[in-house]
Protein backbone atom coordinates (compact mmCIF):
# COMPACT_ATOMS: atom_id res chain seq x y z
CA MET A 1 65.75 122.41 164.63
CA ALA A 2 67.59 123.47 167.94
CA LYS A 3 65.49 121.62 170.28
CA GLN A 4 65.07 118.52 168.24
CA GLY A 5 69.51 118.65 166.99
CA LYS A 6 70.14 117.65 170.79
CA GLN A 7 67.96 114.63 170.38
CA TYR A 8 69.88 112.99 167.70
CA LYS A 9 71.48 110.12 170.05
CA ARG A 10 72.40 107.98 166.87
CA ILE A 11 74.12 109.26 163.66
CA VAL A 12 75.36 108.41 160.90
CA ALA A 13 77.56 110.63 158.37
CA LYS A 14 78.55 109.99 155.06
CA PHE A 15 80.95 111.68 153.12
CA GLY A 16 82.00 111.05 149.85
CA THR A 17 85.56 110.84 147.46
CA ASN A 18 84.62 114.25 146.12
CA LEU A 19 84.96 116.02 149.00
CA LEU A 20 87.62 113.54 150.58
CA THR A 21 89.85 114.21 147.65
CA ASN A 22 88.92 118.24 147.92
CA GLY A 23 89.02 118.73 144.57
CA THR A 24 92.00 116.73 143.69
CA ASP A 25 93.35 113.04 142.29
CA SER A 26 94.53 111.97 145.98
CA ILE A 27 93.08 112.05 149.45
CA ASP A 28 93.34 114.87 151.35
CA MET A 29 94.24 114.02 154.61
CA ASN A 30 93.54 116.98 156.17
CA VAL A 31 89.25 116.77 155.55
CA ILE A 32 90.10 113.18 156.75
CA ALA A 33 91.57 114.36 160.12
CA GLY A 34 88.68 117.50 160.35
CA ILE A 35 85.80 114.79 159.64
CA VAL A 36 87.22 112.66 162.87
CA ARG A 37 87.77 115.40 164.69
CA GLN A 38 83.97 116.24 164.72
CA ALA A 39 83.36 112.44 165.24
CA ALA A 40 85.01 112.39 168.00
CA GLU A 41 83.98 115.44 170.38
CA LEU A 42 80.07 114.10 169.49
CA ARG A 43 81.53 110.72 170.84
CA LYS A 44 82.75 112.37 173.87
CA GLN A 45 78.97 113.38 174.22
CA GLY A 46 77.82 110.34 174.69
CA ARG A 47 76.64 110.31 171.26
CA GLU A 48 76.65 107.20 169.09
CA ILE A 49 78.04 107.82 165.05
CA ALA A 50 78.76 105.82 162.42
CA LEU A 51 81.12 106.38 159.64
CA VAL A 52 80.17 106.14 155.97
CA SER A 53 83.53 106.62 154.26
CA SER A 54 84.26 106.25 150.43
CA GLY A 55 87.68 107.15 149.25
CA ALA A 56 89.26 103.30 148.78
CA VAL A 57 89.82 103.41 145.06
CA ALA A 58 91.12 107.21 145.35
CA SER A 59 93.18 106.21 147.92
CA GLY A 60 94.51 102.88 146.21
CA LYS A 61 95.33 104.75 142.57
CA GLN A 62 96.85 106.98 144.78
CA TYR A 63 99.92 104.68 146.27
CA LEU A 64 99.31 102.70 142.58
CA LYS A 65 100.23 105.26 140.40
CA VAL A 66 97.28 104.40 138.34
CA PRO A 67 97.03 105.49 135.19
CA LYS A 68 93.96 108.25 134.52
CA ASP A 69 92.56 106.12 131.99
CA LYS A 70 92.84 102.83 133.68
CA LYS A 71 89.04 102.56 134.91
CA ASP A 72 88.25 99.02 134.16
CA VAL A 73 86.16 97.04 136.73
CA PRO A 74 89.58 94.74 137.44
CA MET A 75 91.98 97.43 138.32
CA ARG A 76 88.99 99.28 140.53
CA GLN A 77 89.11 96.37 142.41
CA VAL A 78 91.96 96.01 142.75
CA MET A 79 92.65 99.90 143.84
CA ALA A 80 90.04 99.17 146.19
CA ALA A 81 91.98 96.33 147.97
CA VAL A 82 94.58 98.46 148.74
CA GLY A 83 93.25 101.95 149.67
CA GLN A 84 91.08 100.70 151.64
CA HIS A 85 94.33 98.85 154.03
CA VAL A 86 95.49 102.50 153.30
CA LEU A 87 92.78 104.68 154.40
CA MET A 88 91.61 102.80 157.52
CA ASN A 89 95.00 103.24 159.10
CA SER A 90 94.55 106.59 158.43
CA TYR A 91 91.55 106.72 160.67
CA THR A 92 92.61 104.01 163.14
CA GLU A 93 95.18 105.91 163.86
CA LEU A 94 93.15 109.47 164.23
CA PHE A 95 90.21 108.43 166.22
CA ARG A 96 93.29 105.84 168.77
CA ARG A 97 95.03 109.77 169.40
CA GLU A 98 91.28 111.00 170.33
CA GLY A 99 90.85 107.39 172.54
CA ILE A 100 88.10 106.17 170.52
CA VAL A 101 88.36 102.15 168.91
CA THR A 102 87.21 101.82 165.55
CA ALA A 103 85.78 98.99 163.67
CA GLN A 104 85.76 98.45 159.97
CA ALA A 105 82.52 97.10 158.45
CA LEU A 106 82.23 96.28 154.22
CA LEU A 107 79.45 95.58 152.88
CA THR A 108 77.29 94.57 150.26
CA LYS A 109 73.77 93.92 148.75
CA LEU A 110 73.97 90.13 148.55
CA ASP A 111 74.65 90.54 152.49
CA LEU A 112 71.50 92.48 153.34
CA ALA A 113 69.02 91.30 151.27
CA ASP A 114 69.08 88.05 153.39
CA ARG A 115 66.82 88.48 156.52
CA ILE A 116 69.15 86.84 158.95
CA SER A 117 72.51 88.45 157.44
CA TYR A 118 70.33 91.75 157.48
CA LEU A 119 69.93 90.73 161.67
CA ASN A 120 73.88 89.66 161.96
CA ALA A 121 74.96 92.67 160.41
CA ARG A 122 72.43 95.23 162.46
CA ASN A 123 73.31 93.16 166.14
CA THR A 124 76.83 93.68 165.18
CA LEU A 125 77.19 97.34 164.52
CA LEU A 126 74.18 98.05 167.50
CA ILE A 127 76.78 96.40 169.93
CA LEU A 128 79.74 98.24 168.72
CA LEU A 129 78.08 101.62 169.42
CA GLU A 130 76.96 100.01 172.61
CA LEU A 131 80.71 99.61 173.23
CA GLY A 132 81.40 103.02 171.97
CA VAL A 133 83.11 101.79 168.91
CA VAL A 134 82.85 103.70 165.85
CA PRO A 135 82.55 101.44 163.08
CA ILE A 136 84.02 102.63 159.40
CA ILE A 137 81.61 102.00 157.06
CA ASN A 138 82.19 101.24 153.00
CA GLU A 139 80.56 98.88 150.25
CA ASN A 140 83.26 95.76 149.87
CA ASP A 141 84.52 96.99 146.46
CA VAL A 142 86.13 93.80 146.12
CA VAL A 143 83.57 91.57 145.87
CA ALA A 144 80.77 93.88 145.02
CA ILE A 145 80.84 95.24 140.91
CA GLU A 146 78.20 96.31 138.18
CA GLU A 147 78.45 92.41 136.62
CA LEU A 148 76.70 90.91 139.41
CA GLU A 149 73.47 91.99 138.60
CA GLY A 150 72.06 92.98 142.19
CA ALA A 151 75.16 92.84 144.39
CA HIS A 152 76.37 96.30 144.46
CA PHE A 153 74.63 99.22 146.14
CA GLY A 154 75.89 101.39 143.36
CA ASP A 155 77.25 104.09 145.33
CA ASN A 156 78.02 104.87 148.83
CA ASP A 157 75.31 107.86 149.35
CA ASN A 158 72.63 104.39 148.98
CA LEU A 159 74.68 102.64 151.37
CA SER A 160 74.55 105.33 153.77
CA GLY A 161 70.56 104.85 153.99
CA MET A 162 71.14 101.42 154.16
CA VAL A 163 72.84 101.63 156.98
CA ALA A 164 70.41 104.74 158.64
CA ASN A 165 67.88 102.31 157.85
CA LEU A 166 69.64 99.14 159.47
CA ILE A 167 71.12 100.64 162.36
CA ASP A 168 67.87 102.66 163.29
CA ALA A 169 69.45 105.94 162.88
CA ASP A 170 67.55 109.35 164.34
CA LEU A 171 70.52 111.26 161.95
CA LEU A 172 72.14 110.59 158.72
CA VAL A 173 73.98 113.50 157.06
CA ILE A 174 75.05 113.31 153.72
CA MET A 175 78.42 115.60 153.74
CA SER A 176 78.75 116.59 150.69
CA ASP A 177 80.99 119.39 148.13
CA VAL A 178 77.75 121.22 147.55
CA ALA A 179 75.40 123.01 150.05
CA GLY A 180 72.07 120.98 149.76
CA LEU A 181 69.30 120.64 147.34
CA TYR A 182 68.70 123.75 144.79
CA SER A 183 65.67 124.54 143.00
CA ALA A 184 67.53 124.03 139.95
CA ASP A 185 71.32 123.37 139.16
CA PRO A 186 73.30 127.01 140.84
CA ALA A 187 76.21 125.60 138.37
CA ILE A 188 73.66 126.76 135.00
CA ASP A 189 71.11 128.72 137.18
CA LYS A 190 71.76 131.74 138.86
CA LYS A 191 68.50 131.62 140.16
CA ALA A 192 68.87 128.46 142.01
CA LYS A 193 67.72 128.79 145.78
CA LEU A 194 68.73 126.36 148.25
CA ILE A 195 65.47 124.29 149.73
CA PRO A 196 66.28 124.71 153.57
CA VAL A 197 63.21 121.85 154.44
CA VAL A 198 61.42 119.43 152.81
CA LYS A 199 58.72 117.79 154.73
CA ARG A 200 58.20 115.21 151.79
CA ILE A 201 59.62 113.52 149.17
CA ASP A 202 57.13 113.61 146.09
CA LYS A 203 58.29 113.51 142.18
CA ASP A 204 59.10 117.76 142.20
CA ILE A 205 61.27 117.01 144.85
CA GLU A 206 63.34 114.49 143.10
CA LYS A 207 63.07 116.73 139.88
CA MET A 208 64.86 118.53 141.45
CA ALA A 209 68.06 116.14 141.76
CA GLY A 210 70.88 116.50 139.03
CA GLY A 211 72.93 114.30 137.63
CA THR A 212 76.96 112.70 139.21
CA ARG A 213 79.76 115.43 139.59
CA GLY A 214 83.72 115.28 140.10
CA ARG A 215 85.28 112.00 141.28
CA GLY A 216 82.41 110.24 142.62
CA THR A 217 79.46 107.01 142.02
CA GLY A 218 76.94 109.41 142.91
CA GLY A 219 74.63 112.87 142.68
CA MET A 220 72.10 114.76 144.14
CA THR A 221 69.80 111.57 142.50
CA THR A 222 71.03 109.09 144.80
CA LYS A 223 71.28 111.04 147.44
CA ILE A 224 67.91 111.79 147.19
CA GLN A 225 67.44 107.94 147.27
CA ALA A 226 68.92 107.07 150.28
CA ALA A 227 67.01 110.60 152.12
CA LYS A 228 63.74 108.63 151.01
CA LEU A 229 64.79 105.25 152.31
CA ALA A 230 65.68 107.23 155.42
CA THR A 231 63.17 109.18 156.68
CA ALA A 232 60.55 106.30 155.30
CA SER A 233 62.18 104.58 158.01
CA GLY A 234 61.90 107.92 160.60
CA THR A 235 65.52 109.01 160.23
CA ALA A 236 66.06 112.68 159.55
CA VAL A 237 68.37 113.61 156.64
CA VAL A 238 70.35 116.38 156.32
CA ILE A 239 72.50 117.20 152.91
CA ALA A 240 75.30 119.32 153.17
CA ASN A 241 78.63 121.02 152.19
CA GLY A 242 81.13 118.92 154.21
CA SER A 243 83.62 121.45 154.08
CA GLU A 244 81.66 124.38 156.41
CA PRO A 245 83.79 123.83 159.63
CA ASP A 246 82.26 122.38 162.68
CA LEU A 247 79.27 120.72 160.41
CA LEU A 248 78.43 117.44 162.57
CA PRO A 249 78.83 119.60 165.98
CA ARG A 250 77.15 122.52 164.88
CA LEU A 251 73.96 120.45 163.92
CA ILE A 252 73.44 118.80 167.16
CA ASP A 253 73.41 122.41 168.23
CA GLY A 254 70.89 122.61 166.52
CA GLU A 255 71.78 125.08 163.84
CA SER A 256 70.49 125.03 159.97
CA ILE A 257 72.91 124.16 157.16
CA GLY A 258 71.93 122.54 154.40
CA THR A 259 68.93 120.87 153.52
CA MET A 260 66.99 118.86 155.83
CA PHE A 261 64.91 116.05 155.20
CA LEU A 262 62.00 115.43 158.28
CA PRO A 263 61.23 111.88 158.85
CA ALA A 264 58.26 110.45 157.02
CA THR A 265 56.98 108.66 160.15
CA ASP A 266 58.14 107.29 163.32
CA LYS A 267 60.54 104.72 163.61
CA ILE A 268 59.05 101.20 162.55
CA GLU A 269 60.64 98.19 164.03
CA SER A 270 63.14 95.92 162.26
CA ARG A 271 61.22 93.25 160.51
CA LYS A 272 59.59 96.27 158.56
CA ARG A 273 62.78 98.36 158.23
CA TRP A 274 63.96 95.33 156.65
CA ILE A 275 60.88 94.84 154.05
CA LEU A 276 61.25 98.72 153.37
CA SER A 277 65.36 99.10 152.09
CA GLY A 278 63.81 97.41 149.03
CA LEU A 279 66.77 95.00 149.03
CA SER A 280 65.26 91.85 149.33
CA THR A 281 62.17 92.15 146.81
CA LYS A 282 61.31 89.29 144.66
CA GLY A 283 58.74 91.03 142.31
CA LYS A 284 56.36 93.44 142.11
CA LEU A 285 52.46 94.34 142.00
CA VAL A 286 51.03 96.73 140.58
CA VAL A 287 47.23 97.97 141.60
CA ASP A 288 44.47 100.24 140.59
CA GLY A 289 43.65 103.50 142.19
CA GLY A 290 41.70 102.14 144.58
CA ALA A 291 43.54 100.17 146.18
CA ALA A 292 46.69 103.10 145.62
CA ALA A 293 44.92 105.21 147.79
CA ALA A 294 43.66 102.96 150.36
CA LEU A 295 47.63 102.10 151.03
CA SER A 296 48.11 105.50 151.16
CA ARG A 297 45.62 106.25 153.80
CA GLY A 298 47.24 103.84 155.96
CA ASN A 299 46.76 100.45 157.61
CA LYS A 300 44.73 99.16 154.56
CA SER A 301 45.38 95.46 153.36
CA LEU A 302 45.93 94.75 150.15
CA LEU A 303 43.20 92.82 148.41
CA PRO A 304 43.22 90.73 145.47
CA ALA A 305 40.57 93.17 143.53
CA GLY A 306 42.64 95.72 143.86
CA VAL A 307 45.86 93.77 141.58
CA LYS A 308 46.08 94.56 137.94
CA GLY A 309 49.54 92.97 137.44
CA VAL A 310 51.98 90.73 138.89
CA GLU A 311 55.61 91.03 137.47
CA GLY A 312 58.50 88.71 138.47
CA SER A 313 58.78 85.44 140.25
CA PHE A 314 58.06 85.12 143.92
CA LYS A 315 57.07 82.63 146.67
CA ARG A 316 54.25 82.60 148.96
CA GLY A 317 56.16 84.65 151.99
CA ASP A 318 58.69 86.75 148.93
CA ALA A 319 58.98 90.00 149.37
CA VAL A 320 57.87 92.76 147.06
CA ASP A 321 57.30 96.11 145.65
CA ILE A 322 53.22 97.58 145.25
CA ALA A 323 53.52 100.28 142.63
CA THR A 324 50.97 102.05 140.75
CA GLU A 325 49.67 101.51 137.32
CA SER A 326 52.17 105.10 136.58
CA GLY A 327 54.99 102.84 137.88
CA GLU A 328 55.19 104.90 140.86
CA ARG A 329 56.95 102.59 144.05
CA ILE A 330 53.67 103.61 146.72
CA ALA A 331 54.35 100.43 148.96
CA CYS A 332 56.11 97.14 150.03
CA GLY A 333 54.93 94.05 151.79
CA ILE A 334 55.59 90.04 152.29
CA SER A 335 53.00 88.03 150.05
CA ASN A 336 50.60 85.84 150.90
CA TYR A 337 50.18 83.89 147.77
CA SER A 338 53.04 83.44 145.03
CA ALA A 339 53.36 84.94 142.02
CA ALA A 340 51.26 82.20 139.89
CA ASP A 341 48.65 81.86 142.60
CA ILE A 342 48.30 85.80 142.63
CA GLU A 343 47.69 86.11 138.52
CA LYS A 344 45.10 83.31 139.15
CA ILE A 345 43.14 85.23 141.78
CA LYS A 346 43.96 89.55 140.57
CA GLY A 347 40.90 91.47 140.43
CA ALA A 348 38.78 88.35 141.75
CA ARG A 349 36.88 88.94 145.42
CA SER A 350 38.61 87.53 148.16
CA ASP A 351 35.69 85.04 148.74
CA LYS A 352 36.00 83.51 145.21
CA ILE A 353 40.11 82.44 146.53
CA GLU A 354 39.68 78.61 147.42
CA GLY A 355 37.59 78.24 144.64
CA LEU A 356 40.29 79.65 141.61
CA LEU A 357 43.18 78.51 143.57
CA GLY A 358 41.82 75.70 145.49
CA HIS A 359 42.92 76.47 148.72
CA GLY A 360 43.90 80.02 150.73
CA TYR A 361 46.25 81.60 152.85
CA GLY A 362 43.75 84.58 153.85
CA ASP A 363 41.74 87.29 152.40
CA GLU A 364 44.40 89.45 151.84
CA VAL A 365 47.11 89.28 149.11
CA VAL A 366 49.49 91.20 151.45
CA HIS A 367 48.35 91.77 155.18
CA ARG A 368 48.31 95.47 156.80
CA ASP A 369 50.79 94.12 159.05
CA ASN A 370 53.26 93.01 156.66
CA ILE A 371 53.11 96.31 154.50
CA VAL A 372 55.40 99.54 155.13
CA VAL A 373 54.02 102.72 153.49
CA LEU A 374 56.64 104.60 151.57
């Protein structure tokens, strides 16, 4: 990895509440100071870095002296509103001492589900990075709540994968309170071994992920989800213990720390990254084994003959997931036909489309140019 590490120009570093609180109920400013120092070192090397930071709720709770049993959504929003301000002030002052300007970016899924909003967010972040600014990114917890279906990322692991996708990052480092992905839960199985490199995230890798631990909302499962999105966009991902001294500079110097997830593809262009994010999908197409195999080999369109089922209500031009009959999401793309039209032509040969519908928009349900294979 030594040679590869030197090539990382644009880096996203994510750290969660468990790391920032260092096992306590309060934000540990020494941890934040250490992260800032590492980020500043990379910035001074001429690299671009964006930080995805949790900790707003924990910070607000600390200042408001909220009882431990008070965990309802409105109170969490109140704590986030207070804590985000406090947290951002800390980052701003620490980076100022390093001669670096920061910017705050609060995002929700709804912000990125719309193509225009996605591009606006992308352009803003890329210009900030070009100017040498370090963006501090968090989910907008004040408005992104669980009751608003589909409006929140759910945790900052998934947000970090989305940010890596958004800005076309070379490397995503998920700084955790665990050393990486293990063959089994190391807290239970003493024989569990750290997996240093993952070439492809498949079902076996996903099964190794456990649940949530500590004060955060994410666990290894969400970290693997984030890694899957980022690697499919052409970004390398490392999950490592954030308490490792000088973790970020050491990774850039090529040292092997934690678990490295290799990019599943070369960099893909912006439109396909947006499709890949899955934030904008309006429905699902279920395909047979032959179509699934053709798509997995790449550069194949989805024809109506391969479609077995249609889920959701979507229009022509909407993004859809493409899944196998067993439920595995294998691709996503922009549909040439509405859900109602596909219900009528599924299983049919392409030359039958106009006869069945009375109109046609091409032989393909999803053209290969508008498909991203996972």
